Amino acid sequence: MERAAEVGRPGLPAPGEAAGGYAAAFAACLLDPDRNAPENIAAPGGGRAAKRFAVYRNNVAASLVNALADIYPATARIAGEEFFRAMALVFARSSPPRSRVLSEYGHDFPGFIAGFEPAARMPYLADVARLERAWLDAYHAADAPPLDPRALGELPPEDLASARFTPHPAMRLVRSRFAVVSILEANRGDAGNAGRIRGDVAEDALVTRPRARVEVRRLEPGCAVFLECLAAGASLALAVEEAFAEEPAFDPGKAIALMLEARAFSAVIQD
């Protein structure tokens, strides 16, 4: 059985000597197929290890593409395997991981898709990816007790308007001019064909993790800006005002009930 290329041959920096520079150079060669293997990598018994390095380079690229396919399964299904893997490879070669945890890879992949010209024929694809990323981030978010509805009910009426809320660590909001929730639902897991979807109908999504399970809710008009304002630290009165400005038919009572049921916040703050 062939052994992997050996690093630690004569000519490499001594431990601690220019290690950071060598690692950066190694990584640059690893992600750029047009660059030669680092000069100081040798095969067992001496000699250059260009072929072995090329195999390693391909394996690393494939592992990053596979990680993106696992993180963005609906995006991959919509785009098609061949297109998605080609797009993900372009991304991987320009965006190396910043963490050893592969589930944390690709936070900027949705933004990359939005600017990837070959994906322009699927203008909703970037927002679907944003929603999938929000789902995974909510899944891995820290635990925190949700807001007890009784805490809100116990506020004196005169203090309710000025109440502010602490968002739960798992809460995420995704706003889109496309039917992003419907498209995601039709392309995740065994959902299969959900029928004809009006993709150009705007949908906003609330992602939370009540009872240890990630849930994606389609929001009614006005509700997203209401929750967005609360999450940014605005008072309840200001959030309601902003929601009415966007949607005159906004229902504050219904929105408050939703945020409590979804466990989108973890505490209420009185000024």
C-alpha atoms as a PDB file:
ATOM      1  CA  MET A   1       0.000   0.000   0.000  1.00  0.00           C
ATOM      2  CA  GLU A   2       1.378   3.404  -0.934  1.00  0.00           C
ATOM      3  CA  ARG A   3       2.032   5.834   1.834  1.00  0.00           C
ATOM      4  CA  ALA A   4       0.900   9.421   1.680  1.00  0.00           C
ATOM      5  CA  ALA A   5       3.295  12.162   0.777  1.00  0.00           C
ATOM      6  CA  GLU A   6       5.564  13.074   3.663  1.00  0.00           C
ATOM      7  CA  VAL A   7       5.717  16.547   5.070  1.00  0.00           C
ATOM      8  CA  GLY A   8       8.625  17.042   7.535  1.00  0.00           C
ATOM      9  CA  ARG A   9      11.436  16.323   5.111  1.00  0.00           C
ATOM     10  CA  PRO A  10      14.676  18.332   4.922  1.00  0.00           C
ATOM     11  CA  GLY A  11      14.071  21.885   3.815  1.00  0.00           C
ATOM     12  CA  LEU A  12      10.881  22.475   5.796  1.00  0.00           C
ATOM     13  CA  PRO A  13      10.859  25.141   8.511  1.00  0.00           C
ATOM     14  CA  ALA A  14      11.933  24.030  11.943  1.00  0.00           C
ATOM     15  CA  PRO A  15       9.111  23.659  14.476  1.00  0.00           C
ATOM     16  CA  GLY A  16       7.742  27.129  15.090  1.00  0.00           C
ATOM     17  CA  GLU A  17       9.910  28.696  12.370  1.00  0.00           C
ATOM     18  CA  ALA A  18       7.770  30.466   9.778  1.00  0.00           C
ATOM     19  CA  ALA A  19       5.109  27.822  10.397  1.00  0.00           C
ATOM     20  CA  GLY A  20       2.295  30.217   9.685  1.00  0.00           C
ATOM     21  CA  GLY A  21       3.809  31.252   6.358  1.00  0.00           C
ATOM     22  CA  TYR A  22       4.361  27.665   5.306  1.00  0.00           C
ATOM     23  CA  ALA A  23       0.801  26.680   6.270  1.00  0.00           C
ATOM     24  CA  ALA A  24      -0.583  29.601   4.253  1.00  0.00           C
ATOM     25  CA  ALA A  25       1.498  28.637   1.225  1.00  0.00           C
ATOM     26  CA  PHE A  26       0.457  24.992   1.563  1.00  0.00           C
ATOM     27  CA  ALA A  27      -3.226  25.946   1.767  1.00  0.00           C
ATOM     28  CA  ALA A  28      -2.909  28.243  -1.234  1.00  0.00           C
ATOM     29  CA  CYS A  29      -1.462  25.428  -3.323  1.00  0.00           C
ATOM     30  CA  LEU A  30      -4.073  23.026  -2.003  1.00  0.00           C
ATOM     31  CA  LEU A  31      -7.033  25.051  -3.234  1.00  0.00           C
ATOM     32  CA  ASP A  32      -5.586  26.289  -6.534  1.00  0.00           C
ATOM     33  CA  PRO A  33      -5.361  23.533  -9.175  1.00  0.00           C
ATOM     34  CA  ASP A  34      -3.176  25.768 -11.355  1.00  0.00           C
ATOM     35  CA  ARG A  35      -0.398  25.967  -8.787  1.00  0.00           C
ATOM     36  CA  ASN A  36       2.358  23.427  -8.397  1.00  0.00           C
ATOM     37  CA  ALA A  37       2.729  21.356  -5.251  1.00  0.00           C
ATOM     38  CA  PRO A  38       4.805  23.010  -2.502  1.00  0.00           C
ATOM     39  CA  GLU A  39       8.512  22.545  -3.122  1.00  0.00           C
ATOM     40  CA  ASN A  40       9.231  20.997   0.269  1.00  0.00           C
ATOM     41  CA  ILE A  41       6.828  18.058   0.021  1.00  0.00           C
ATOM     42  CA  ALA A  42       8.614  14.808  -0.745  1.00  0.00           C
ATOM     43  CA  ALA A  43       7.467  11.289  -1.548  1.00  0.00           C
ATOM     44  CA  PRO A  44       8.595   8.300   0.576  1.00  0.00           C
ATOM     45  CA  GLY A  45      12.217   7.621  -0.220  1.00  0.00           C
ATOM     46  CA  GLY A  46      12.780  11.116  -1.548  1.00  0.00           C
ATOM     47  CA  GLY A  47      11.749  12.747  -4.792  1.00  0.00           C
ATOM     48  CA  ARG A  48       8.814  14.992  -5.619  1.00  0.00           C
ATOM     49  CA  ALA A  49       5.289  14.135  -4.551  1.00  0.00           C
ATOM     50  CA  ALA A  50       3.333  16.103  -7.130  1.00  0.00           C
ATOM     51  CA  LYS A  51       1.009  13.237  -8.065  1.00  0.00           C
ATOM     52  CA  ARG A  52       0.246  12.360  -4.448  1.00  0.00           C
ATOM     53  CA  PHE A  53      -0.377  16.029  -3.668  1.00  0.00           C
ATOM     54  CA  ALA A  54      -2.759  16.263  -6.629  1.00  0.00           C
ATOM     55  CA  VAL A  55      -4.759  13.317  -5.260  1.00  0.00           C
ATOM     56  CA  TYR A  56      -4.855  14.945  -1.820  1.00  0.00           C
ATOM     57  CA  ARG A  57      -5.926  18.260  -3.408  1.00  0.00           C
ATOM     58  CA  ASN A  58      -8.795  16.547  -5.224  1.00  0.00           C
ATOM     59  CA  ASN A  59      -9.907  14.763  -2.039  1.00  0.00           C
ATOM     60  CA  VAL A  60      -9.958  18.018  -0.077  1.00  0.00           C
ATOM     61  CA  ALA A  61     -11.989  19.773  -2.786  1.00  0.00           C
ATOM     62  CA  ALA A  62     -14.431  16.852  -2.960  1.00  0.00           C
ATOM     63  CA  SER A  63     -14.884  16.856   0.821  1.00  0.00           C
ATOM     64  CA  LEU A  64     -15.752  20.571   0.797  1.00  0.00           C
ATOM     65  CA  VAL A  65     -18.215  20.115  -2.068  1.00  0.00           C
ATOM     66  CA  ASN A  66     -19.796  17.169  -0.204  1.00  0.00           C
ATOM     67  CA  ALA A  67     -20.079  19.299   2.935  1.00  0.00           C
ATOM     68  CA  LEU A  68     -21.900  22.021   0.997  1.00  0.00           C
ATOM     69  CA  ALA A  69     -24.247  19.428  -0.517  1.00  0.00           C
ATOM     70  CA  ASP A  70     -25.073  18.191   3.005  1.00  0.00           C
ATOM     71  CA  ILE A  71     -25.631  21.719   4.327  1.00  0.00           C
ATOM     72  CA  TYR A  72     -27.712  22.845   1.334  1.00  0.00           C
ATOM     73  CA  PRO A  73     -29.652  19.743   0.171  1.00  0.00           C
ATOM     74  CA  ALA A  74     -32.659  21.634  -1.237  1.00  0.00           C
ATOM     75  CA  THR A  75     -30.374  24.058  -3.054  1.00  0.00           C
ATOM     76  CA  ALA A  76     -28.524  21.092  -4.556  1.00  0.00           C
ATOM     77  CA  ARG A  77     -31.749  19.386  -5.610  1.00  0.00           C
ATOM     78  CA  ILE A  78     -33.063  22.524  -7.301  1.00  0.00           C
ATOM     79  CA  ALA A  79     -29.800  23.270  -9.097  1.00  0.00           C
ATOM     80  CA  GLY A  80     -29.181  19.665 -10.124  1.00  0.00           C
ATOM     81  CA  GLU A  81     -26.213  17.621  -8.944  1.00  0.00           C
ATOM     82  CA  GLU A  82     -23.860  18.438 -11.804  1.00  0.00           C
ATOM     83  CA  PHE A  83     -24.488  22.197 -11.721  1.00  0.00           C
ATOM     84  CA  PHE A  84     -24.415  22.358  -7.924  1.00  0.00           C
ATOM     85  CA  ARG A  85     -21.120  20.484  -7.607  1.00  0.00           C
ATOM     86  CA  ALA A  86     -19.488  22.649 -10.271  1.00  0.00           C
ATOM     87  CA  MET A  87     -20.719  25.808  -8.529  1.00  0.00           C
ATOM     88  CA  ALA A  88     -19.676  24.517  -5.094  1.00  0.00           C
ATOM     89  CA  LEU A  89     -16.196  23.686  -6.410  1.00  0.00           C
ATOM     90  CA  VAL A  90     -15.721  27.250  -7.654  1.00  0.00           C
ATOM     91  CA  PHE A  91     -16.797  28.487  -4.223  1.00  0.00           C
ATOM     92  CA  ALA A  92     -14.568  26.033  -2.321  1.00  0.00           C
ATOM     93  CA  ARG A  93     -11.490  27.089  -4.265  1.00  0.00           C
ATOM     94  CA  SER A  94     -12.045  30.733  -3.364  1.00  0.00           C
ATOM     95  CA  SER A  95     -13.350  30.273   0.196  1.00  0.00           C
ATOM     96  CA  PRO A  96     -11.313  27.938   2.400  1.00  0.00           C
ATOM     97  CA  PRO A  97     -12.803  26.738   5.717  1.00  0.00           C
ATOM     98  CA  ARG A  98     -12.217  28.919   8.764  1.00  0.00           C
ATOM     99  CA  SER A  99     -13.103  26.160  11.217  1.00  0.00           C
ATOM    100  CA  ARG A 100     -12.323  22.482  11.631  1.00  0.00           C
ATOM    101  CA  VAL A 101     -16.063  21.817  11.960  1.00  0.00           C
ATOM    102  CA  LEU A 102     -17.437  21.217   8.459  1.00  0.00           C
ATOM    103  CA  SER A 103     -21.001  22.061   9.502  1.00  0.00           C
ATOM    104  CA  GLU A 104     -19.789  25.635  10.012  1.00  0.00           C
ATOM    105  CA  TYR A 105     -18.469  25.840   6.455  1.00  0.00           C
ATOM    106  CA  GLY A 106     -20.153  27.868   3.753  1.00  0.00           C
ATOM    107  CA  HIS A 107     -21.853  30.699   5.647  1.00  0.00           C
ATOM    108  CA  ASP A 108     -21.152  32.974   2.684  1.00  0.00           C
ATOM    109  CA  PHE A 109     -22.242  30.427   0.078  1.00  0.00           C
ATOM    110  CA  PRO A 110     -25.716  32.033  -0.371  1.00  0.00           C
ATOM    111  CA  GLY A 111     -24.055  35.376  -1.134  1.00  0.00           C
ATOM    112  CA  PHE A 112     -21.751  33.633  -3.581  1.00  0.00           C
ATOM    113  CA  ILE A 113     -24.748  32.068  -5.354  1.00  0.00           C
ATOM    114  CA  ALA A 114     -26.393  35.488  -5.641  1.00  0.00           C
ATOM    115  CA  GLY A 115     -23.374  36.756  -7.560  1.00  0.00           C
ATOM    116  CA  PHE A 116     -22.689  33.571  -9.541  1.00  0.00           C
ATOM    117  CA  GLU A 117     -23.666  34.478 -13.086  1.00  0.00           C
ATOM    118  CA  PRO A 118     -24.505  30.945 -14.306  1.00  0.00           C
ATOM    119  CA  ALA A 119     -27.120  30.725 -11.486  1.00  0.00           C
ATOM    120  CA  ALA A 120     -28.901  33.891 -12.644  1.00  0.00           C
ATOM    121  CA  ARG A 121     -31.585  31.786 -14.349  1.00  0.00           C
ATOM    122  CA  MET A 122     -32.607  30.648 -10.827  1.00  0.00           C
ATOM    123  CA  PRO A 123     -32.904  34.015  -9.019  1.00  0.00           C
ATOM    124  CA  TYR A 124     -34.560  32.386  -5.992  1.00  0.00           C
ATOM    125  CA  LEU A 125     -31.713  29.919  -5.406  1.00  0.00           C
ATOM    126  CA  ALA A 126     -29.635  32.203  -3.161  1.00  0.00           C
ATOM    127  CA  ASP A 127     -32.598  32.832  -0.845  1.00  0.00           C
ATOM    128  CA  VAL A 128     -33.335  29.112  -0.602  1.00  0.00           C
ATOM    129  CA  ALA A 129     -29.707  28.651   0.451  1.00  0.00           C
ATOM    130  CA  ARG A 130     -30.072  31.461   3.004  1.00  0.00           C
ATOM    131  CA  LEU A 131     -33.061  29.687   4.520  1.00  0.00           C
ATOM    132  CA  GLU A 132     -31.210  26.364   4.636  1.00  0.00           C
ATOM    133  CA  ARG A 133     -28.274  28.072   6.345  1.00  0.00           C
ATOM    134  CA  ALA A 134     -30.650  29.621   8.875  1.00  0.00           C
ATOM    135  CA  TRP A 135     -32.102  26.154   9.537  1.00  0.00           C
ATOM    136  CA  LEU A 136     -28.675  24.676  10.272  1.00  0.00           C
ATOM    137  CA  ASP A 137     -27.576  27.645  12.395  1.00  0.00           C
ATOM    138  CA  ALA A 138     -30.780  27.356  14.428  1.00  0.00           C
ATOM    139  CA  TYR A 139     -30.137  23.644  14.883  1.00  0.00           C
ATOM    140  CA  HIS A 140     -26.655  24.289  16.303  1.00  0.00           C
ATOM    141  CA  ALA A 141     -27.524  27.429  18.291  1.00  0.00           C
ATOM    142  CA  ALA A 142     -27.043  27.574  22.047  1.00  0.00           C
ATOM    143  CA  ASP A 143     -29.812  26.460  24.369  1.00  0.00           C
ATOM    144  CA  ALA A 144     -31.795  29.016  26.336  1.00  0.00           C
ATOM    145  CA  PRO A 145     -35.128  28.896  28.154  1.00  0.00           C
ATOM    146  CA  PRO A 146     -37.888  30.456  26.041  1.00  0.00           C
ATOM    147  CA  LEU A 147     -39.912  33.434  27.157  1.00  0.00           C
ATOM    148  CA  ASP A 148     -42.667  32.393  29.545  1.00  0.00           C
ATOM    149  CA  PRO A 149     -45.937  33.886  28.269  1.00  0.00           C
ATOM    150  CA  ARG A 150     -46.867  34.629  31.869  1.00  0.00           C
ATOM    151  CA  ALA A 151     -43.974  37.116  32.083  1.00  0.00           C
ATOM    152  CA  LEU A 152     -45.610  39.175  29.372  1.00  0.00           C
ATOM    153  CA  GLY A 153     -49.057  38.851  30.948  1.00  0.00           C
ATOM    154  CA  GLU A 154     -47.728  40.045  34.298  1.00  0.00           C
ATOM    155  CA  LEU A 155     -46.453  43.341  32.898  1.00  0.00           C
ATOM    156  CA  PRO A 156     -48.467  46.388  33.999  1.00  0.00           C
ATOM    157  CA  PRO A 157     -50.506  47.658  31.025  1.00  0.00           C
ATOM    158  CA  GLU A 158     -48.683  50.992  31.105  1.00  0.00           C
ATOM    159  CA  ASP A 159     -45.326  49.190  30.673  1.00  0.00           C
ATOM    160  CA  LEU A 160     -46.329  46.939  27.804  1.00  0.00           C
ATOM    161  CA  ALA A 161     -45.667  49.461  25.016  1.00  0.00           C
ATOM    162  CA  SER A 162     -42.075  50.041  26.174  1.00  0.00           C
ATOM    163  CA  ALA A 163     -41.262  46.352  26.685  1.00  0.00           C
ATOM    164  CA  ARG A 164     -38.244  45.008  24.822  1.00  0.00           C
ATOM    165  CA  PHE A 165     -37.322  41.405  24.116  1.00  0.00           C
ATOM    166  CA  THR A 166     -34.210  39.258  24.044  1.00  0.00           C
ATOM    167  CA  PRO A 167     -34.181  37.027  20.953  1.00  0.00           C
ATOM    168  CA  HIS A 168     -33.635  33.316  21.501  1.00  0.00           C
ATOM    169  CA  PRO A 169     -30.207  32.178  20.218  1.00  0.00           C
ATOM    170  CA  ALA A 170     -31.913  29.881  17.699  1.00  0.00           C
ATOM    171  CA  MET A 171     -34.177  32.552  16.202  1.00  0.00           C
ATOM    172  CA  ARG A 172     -33.543  33.431  12.550  1.00  0.00           C
ATOM    173  CA  LEU A 173     -35.520  35.535  10.056  1.00  0.00           C
ATOM    174  CA  VAL A 174     -35.246  35.241   6.281  1.00  0.00           C
ATOM    175  CA  ARG A 175     -37.086  37.684   4.045  1.00  0.00           C
ATOM    176  CA  SER A 176     -37.396  37.007   0.335  1.00  0.00           C
ATOM    177  CA  ARG A 177     -39.169  38.360  -2.738  1.00  0.00           C
ATOM    178  CA  PHE A 178     -39.637  34.738  -3.772  1.00  0.00           C
ATOM    179  CA  ALA A 179     -41.745  31.892  -2.368  1.00  0.00           C
ATOM    180  CA  VAL A 180     -38.719  30.664  -0.456  1.00  0.00           C
ATOM    181  CA  VAL A 181     -40.589  28.660   2.214  1.00  0.00           C
ATOM    182  CA  SER A 182     -42.757  26.870  -0.326  1.00  0.00           C
ATOM    183  CA  ILE A 183     -39.746  26.098  -2.529  1.00  0.00           C
ATOM    184  CA  LEU A 184     -37.789  24.741   0.434  1.00  0.00           C
ATOM    185  CA  GLU A 185     -40.674  22.553   1.576  1.00  0.00           C
ATOM    186  CA  ALA A 186     -41.011  21.095  -1.922  1.00  0.00           C
ATOM    187  CA  ASN A 187     -37.325  20.227  -2.181  1.00  0.00           C
ATOM    188  CA  ARG A 188     -36.307  18.892   1.219  1.00  0.00           C
ATOM    189  CA  GLY A 189     -36.330  15.292   2.369  1.00  0.00           C
ATOM    190  CA  ASP A 190     -39.107  13.168   0.895  1.00  0.00           C
ATOM    191  CA  ALA A 191     -41.423  16.098   0.248  1.00  0.00           C
ATOM    192  CA  GLY A 192     -41.491  15.269  -3.453  1.00  0.00           C
ATOM    193  CA  ASN A 193     -43.456  17.440  -5.843  1.00  0.00           C
ATOM    194  CA  ALA A 194     -45.656  19.828  -3.893  1.00  0.00           C
ATOM    195  CA  GLY A 195     -47.524  20.972  -6.974  1.00  0.00           C
ATOM    196  CA  ARG A 196     -47.199  24.217  -8.850  1.00  0.00           C
ATOM    197  CA  ILE A 197     -45.529  27.006  -6.863  1.00  0.00           C
ATOM    198  CA  ARG A 198     -45.787  30.688  -7.675  1.00  0.00           C
ATOM    199  CA  GLY A 199     -42.112  31.342  -7.161  1.00  0.00           C
ATOM    200  CA  ASP A 200     -42.428  35.113  -7.594  1.00  0.00           C
ATOM    201  CA  VAL A 201     -44.752  35.511  -4.593  1.00  0.00           C
ATOM    202  CA  ALA A 202     -42.775  36.967  -1.684  1.00  0.00           C
ATOM    203  CA  GLU A 203     -42.518  34.890   1.494  1.00  0.00           C
ATOM    204  CA  ASP A 204     -40.889  35.640   4.838  1.00  0.00           C
ATOM    205  CA  ALA A 205     -39.706  32.875   7.144  1.00  0.00           C
ATOM    206  CA  LEU A 206     -39.246  32.561  10.892  1.00  0.00           C
ATOM    207  CA  VAL A 207     -36.849  29.805  11.928  1.00  0.00           C
ATOM    208  CA  THR A 208     -36.908  28.686  15.552  1.00  0.00           C
ATOM    209  CA  ARG A 209     -36.142  25.599  17.603  1.00  0.00           C
ATOM    210  CA  PRO A 210     -39.038  25.061  19.997  1.00  0.00           C
ATOM    211  CA  ARG A 211     -39.025  21.779  21.883  1.00  0.00           C
ATOM    212  CA  ALA A 212     -35.569  20.850  20.478  1.00  0.00           C
ATOM    213  CA  ARG A 213     -36.813  20.684  16.879  1.00  0.00           C
ATOM    214  CA  VAL A 214     -36.119  23.260  14.177  1.00  0.00           C
ATOM    215  CA  GLU A 215     -39.281  24.682  12.634  1.00  0.00           C
ATOM    216  CA  VAL A 216     -39.735  27.006   9.671  1.00  0.00           C
ATOM    217  CA  ARG A 217     -42.873  29.158   9.659  1.00  0.00           C
ATOM    218  CA  ARG A 218     -44.229  31.159   6.761  1.00  0.00           C
ATOM    219  CA  LEU A 219     -45.048  34.632   8.087  1.00  0.00           C
ATOM    220  CA  GLU A 220     -47.997  36.796   7.218  1.00  0.00           C
ATOM    221  CA  PRO A 221     -47.319  40.287   5.803  1.00  0.00           C
ATOM    222  CA  GLY A 222     -46.027  42.697   8.418  1.00  0.00           C
ATOM    223  CA  CYS A 223     -44.979  39.996  10.866  1.00  0.00           C
ATOM    224  CA  ALA A 224     -41.382  39.779   9.670  1.00  0.00           C
ATOM    225  CA  VAL A 225     -40.676  43.483  10.172  1.00  0.00           C
ATOM    226  CA  PHE A 226     -42.384  43.283  13.575  1.00  0.00           C
ATOM    227  CA  LEU A 227     -40.099  40.435  14.704  1.00  0.00           C
ATOM    228  CA  GLU A 228     -37.095  42.031  13.031  1.00  0.00           C
ATOM    229  CA  CYS A 229     -37.592  45.216  15.026  1.00  0.00           C
ATOM    230  CA  LEU A 230     -38.029  43.340  18.302  1.00  0.00           C
ATOM    231  CA  ALA A 231     -34.894  41.275  17.640  1.00  0.00           C
ATOM    232  CA  ALA A 232     -32.965  44.501  17.019  1.00  0.00           C
ATOM    233  CA  GLY A 233     -34.020  45.871  20.425  1.00  0.00           C
ATOM    234  CA  ALA A 234     -36.960  48.064  19.492  1.00  0.00           C
ATOM    235  CA  SER A 235     -39.838  48.504  21.913  1.00  0.00           C
ATOM    236  CA  LEU A 236     -43.092  46.633  21.359  1.00  0.00           C
ATOM    237  CA  ALA A 237     -44.855  49.878  20.428  1.00  0.00           C
ATOM    238  CA  LEU A 238     -42.233  50.809  17.829  1.00  0.00           C
ATOM    239  CA  ALA A 239     -42.236  47.305  16.345  1.00  0.00           C
ATOM    240  CA  VAL A 240     -46.022  47.442  15.957  1.00  0.00           C
ATOM    241  CA  GLU A 241     -45.770  50.883  14.379  1.00  0.00           C
ATOM    242  CA  GLU A 242     -43.201  49.664  11.838  1.00  0.00           C
ATOM    243  CA  ALA A 243     -45.320  46.617  11.022  1.00  0.00           C
ATOM    244  CA  PHE A 244     -48.396  48.767  10.360  1.00  0.00           C
ATOM    245  CA  ALA A 245     -46.303  51.045   8.126  1.00  0.00           C
ATOM    246  CA  GLU A 246     -45.443  48.041   5.953  1.00  0.00           C
ATOM    247  CA  GLU A 247     -48.790  46.244   6.192  1.00  0.00           C
ATOM    248  CA  PRO A 248     -51.923  48.195   7.209  1.00  0.00           C
ATOM    249  CA  ALA A 249     -53.781  44.927   7.871  1.00  0.00           C
ATOM    250  CA  PHE A 250     -51.155  43.737  10.362  1.00  0.00           C
ATOM    251  CA  ASP A 251     -52.617  41.979  13.424  1.00  0.00           C
ATOM    252  CA  PRO A 252     -50.456  42.668  16.545  1.00  0.00           C
ATOM    253  CA  GLY A 253     -52.279  40.154  18.738  1.00  0.00           C
ATOM    254  CA  LYS A 254     -51.775  37.373  16.230  1.00  0.00           C
ATOM    255  CA  ALA A 255     -48.100  38.261  15.788  1.00  0.00           C
ATOM    256  CA  ILE A 256     -47.471  38.243  19.548  1.00  0.00           C
ATOM    257  CA  ALA A 257     -49.200  34.872  19.881  1.00  0.00           C
ATOM    258  CA  LEU A 258     -47.021  33.515  17.085  1.00  0.00           C
ATOM    259  CA  MET A 259     -43.767  34.710  18.618  1.00  0.00           C
ATOM    260  CA  LEU A 260     -44.682  33.136  21.944  1.00  0.00           C
ATOM    261  CA  GLU A 261     -45.793  29.842  20.404  1.00  0.00           C
ATOM    262  CA  ALA A 262     -42.658  29.680  18.249  1.00  0.00           C
ATOM    263  CA  ARG A 263     -40.477  30.522  21.271  1.00  0.00           C
ATOM    264  CA  ALA A 264     -38.653  33.159  19.263  1.00  0.00           C
ATOM    265  CA  PHE A 265     -37.598  35.153  22.347  1.00  0.00           C
ATOM    266  CA  SER A 266     -36.095  34.212  25.670  1.00  0.00           C
ATOM    267  CA  ALA A 267     -36.833  37.194  27.916  1.00  0.00           C
ATOM    268  CA  VAL A 268     -38.795  40.420  28.234  1.00  0.00           C
ATOM    269  CA  ILE A 269     -36.971  43.559  29.364  1.00  0.00           C
ATOM    270  CA  GLN A 270     -38.600  46.497  31.117  1.00  0.00           C
ATOM    271  CA  ASP A 271     -36.972  49.895  30.717  1.00  0.00           C
END
